[in-house]
Protein backbone atom coordinates (compact mmCIF):
# COMPACT_ATOMS: atom_id res chain seq x y z
CA MET A 1 5.15 3.00 8.75
CA ASP A 2 3.97 0.28 6.36
CA PHE A 3 1.65 -1.18 9.00
CA PHE A 4 -0.09 2.16 9.42
CA THR A 5 -0.46 2.60 5.67
CA LEU A 6 -1.78 -0.94 5.29
CA PHE A 7 -4.35 -0.61 8.05
CA TYR A 8 -5.41 2.89 7.02
CA LEU A 9 -5.96 2.01 3.36
CA SER A 10 -7.54 -1.38 4.03
CA GLY A 11 -9.81 0.10 6.69
CA LEU A 12 -10.82 2.93 4.38
CA SER A 13 -11.46 0.45 1.57
CA TYR A 14 -13.57 -1.75 3.87
CA TYR A 15 -15.58 1.24 5.04
CA VAL A 16 -16.27 2.52 1.52
CA PHE A 17 -17.07 -0.80 -0.20
CA PHE A 18 -18.58 -2.88 2.61
CA VAL A 19 -20.25 -0.29 4.88
CA LYS A 20 -21.05 2.98 3.13
CA LYS A 21 -21.78 1.67 -0.39
CA LYS A 22 -22.49 -1.95 0.45
CA ASP A 23 -25.75 -2.06 -1.50
CA LYS A 24 -24.02 -0.91 -4.69
CA TYR A 25 -20.90 -3.09 -4.57
CA HIS A 26 -21.66 -6.08 -2.32
CA PRO A 27 -25.42 -6.36 -1.68
CA LYS A 28 -25.22 -9.98 -0.44
CA TYR A 29 -22.30 -9.40 1.94
CA LYS A 30 -22.85 -10.52 5.53
CA LYS A 31 -20.38 -9.39 8.16
CA LYS A 32 -18.46 -12.32 9.67
CA PRO A 33 -16.06 -11.24 12.43
CA GLU A 34 -14.02 -14.46 12.19
CA LYS A 35 -13.32 -13.83 8.50
CA ILE A 36 -12.32 -10.24 9.21
CA LYS A 37 -9.94 -11.39 11.97
CA ALA A 38 -8.46 -14.03 9.66
CA SER A 39 -7.95 -11.43 6.91
CA ILE A 40 -6.18 -9.07 9.31
CA LYS A 41 -4.00 -11.92 10.60
CA TRP A 42 -2.93 -12.99 7.10
CA ALA A 43 -2.31 -9.39 6.05
CA ILE A 44 0.09 -8.95 8.99
CA ILE A 45 1.80 -12.29 8.31
CA SER A 46 2.30 -11.48 4.63
CA LEU A 47 3.58 -7.99 5.40
CA VAL A 48 6.13 -9.33 7.89
CA GLY A 49 7.08 -12.16 5.51
CA ASN A 50 7.62 -9.72 2.65
CA ALA A 51 9.70 -7.47 4.90
CA ILE A 52 11.91 -10.39 5.90
CA VAL A 53 12.44 -11.41 2.28
CA VAL A 54 13.00 -7.90 0.91
CA ALA A 55 15.13 -6.41 3.73
CA PRO A 56 18.35 -8.19 2.71
CA LEU A 57 17.91 -6.94 -0.86
CA HIS A 58 17.59 -3.37 0.36
CA LEU A 59 20.70 -3.78 2.52
CA LEU A 60 22.62 -5.05 -0.51
CA MET A 61 21.43 -2.02 -2.47
CA LEU A 62 22.61 0.32 0.26
CA LYS A 63 26.04 -1.34 0.35
CA ASP A 64 26.28 -1.07 -3.45
CA LYS A 65 26.56 -4.86 -3.86
CA THR A 66 23.97 -5.14 -6.65
CA LYS A 67 23.97 -4.51 -10.38
CA ILE A 68 21.32 -1.79 -10.02
CA TYR A 69 22.24 1.30 -11.96
CA TYR A 70 20.87 4.79 -11.51
CA ASN A 71 22.33 6.48 -14.58
CA VAL A 72 20.48 5.50 -17.78
CA GLY A 73 23.52 6.54 -19.79
CA ASP A 74 25.49 3.60 -18.37
CA TYR A 75 23.53 1.02 -20.38
CA GLY A 76 21.25 3.04 -22.64
CA ILE A 77 17.51 3.55 -22.95
CA GLY A 78 17.04 0.21 -24.74
CA TRP A 79 18.28 -1.79 -21.76
CA LEU A 80 16.12 0.31 -19.44
CA ILE A 81 12.99 -0.62 -21.41
CA ILE A 82 14.00 -4.29 -21.62
CA SER A 83 14.79 -4.40 -17.89
CA ILE A 84 11.35 -2.97 -17.03
CA PHE A 85 9.64 -5.75 -18.98
CA LEU A 86 11.96 -8.38 -17.52
CA TYR A 87 11.22 -7.11 -14.01
CA LEU A 88 7.46 -7.26 -14.63
CA PHE A 89 7.70 -10.71 -16.19
CA VAL A 90 9.75 -12.19 -13.33
CA THR A 91 7.76 -10.62 -10.50
CA GLU A 92 4.32 -11.31 -11.95
CA THR A 93 5.26 -14.88 -12.83
CA SER A 94 6.62 -15.56 -9.35
CA ILE A 95 3.53 -14.02 -7.74
CA TYR A 96 1.29 -16.18 -9.95
CA TRP A 97 3.09 -19.43 -9.12
CA THR A 98 3.31 -18.60 -5.41
CA THR A 99 -0.40 -17.81 -5.25
CA ASP A 100 -1.25 -20.86 -7.33
CA GLY A 101 0.80 -23.08 -5.05
CA CYS A 102 -0.72 -21.61 -1.89
CA ILE A 103 -4.34 -21.82 -3.02
CA GLY A 104 -4.36 -25.54 -3.47
CA LYS A 105 -3.60 -27.76 -6.39
CA SER A 106 -1.04 -26.13 -8.57
CA LEU A 107 -1.26 -26.13 -12.34
CA ILE A 108 1.67 -28.52 -12.54
CA SER A 109 0.05 -31.10 -10.25
CA ILE A 110 -3.20 -30.86 -12.24
CA CYS A 111 -1.31 -31.47 -15.51
CA ILE A 112 0.55 -34.44 -14.00
CA THR A 113 -2.73 -35.91 -12.73
CA ILE A 114 -4.31 -35.55 -16.18
CA ILE A 115 -1.33 -37.23 -17.84
CA ILE A 116 -1.22 -40.10 -15.34
CA ASN A 117 -4.98 -40.72 -15.48
CA SER A 118 -5.35 -40.41 -19.25
CA ASP A 119 -6.11 -43.56 -21.21
CA CYS A 120 -4.02 -42.58 -24.20
CA GLN A 121 -3.11 -45.66 -26.17
CA PRO A 122 -0.21 -45.71 -28.61
CA HIS A 123 -1.34 -45.72 -32.24
CA GLY A 124 1.36 -47.83 -33.72
CA ARG A 125 4.44 -49.89 -33.16
CA LEU A 126 7.94 -48.65 -33.08
């Protein structure tokens, strides 16, 4: 079902922003079939990859092997609010670092390169 939702929404989005209202949103866009094919390929790969990673977690949830709770009274409203922010922090941070690592040079490698190539001289003796 996710494949159908993905292709329906992405196709609708492409039609609206790149065909019907191209002049308003992307006036310089030129259709390149090889880029469209590559985008479709990577969308399928990422969807399958996410399914493979997330499926075991869902199975653990179904078998009641996780610490997920459904009754707010078990831990209180305070922990619910904290857990929402923790969830957002962890997921957004992991998405950032994964994307950063996949795009090319990661922030860490850039920092290490700057440190190694800097000509910082010590200012005194120990």
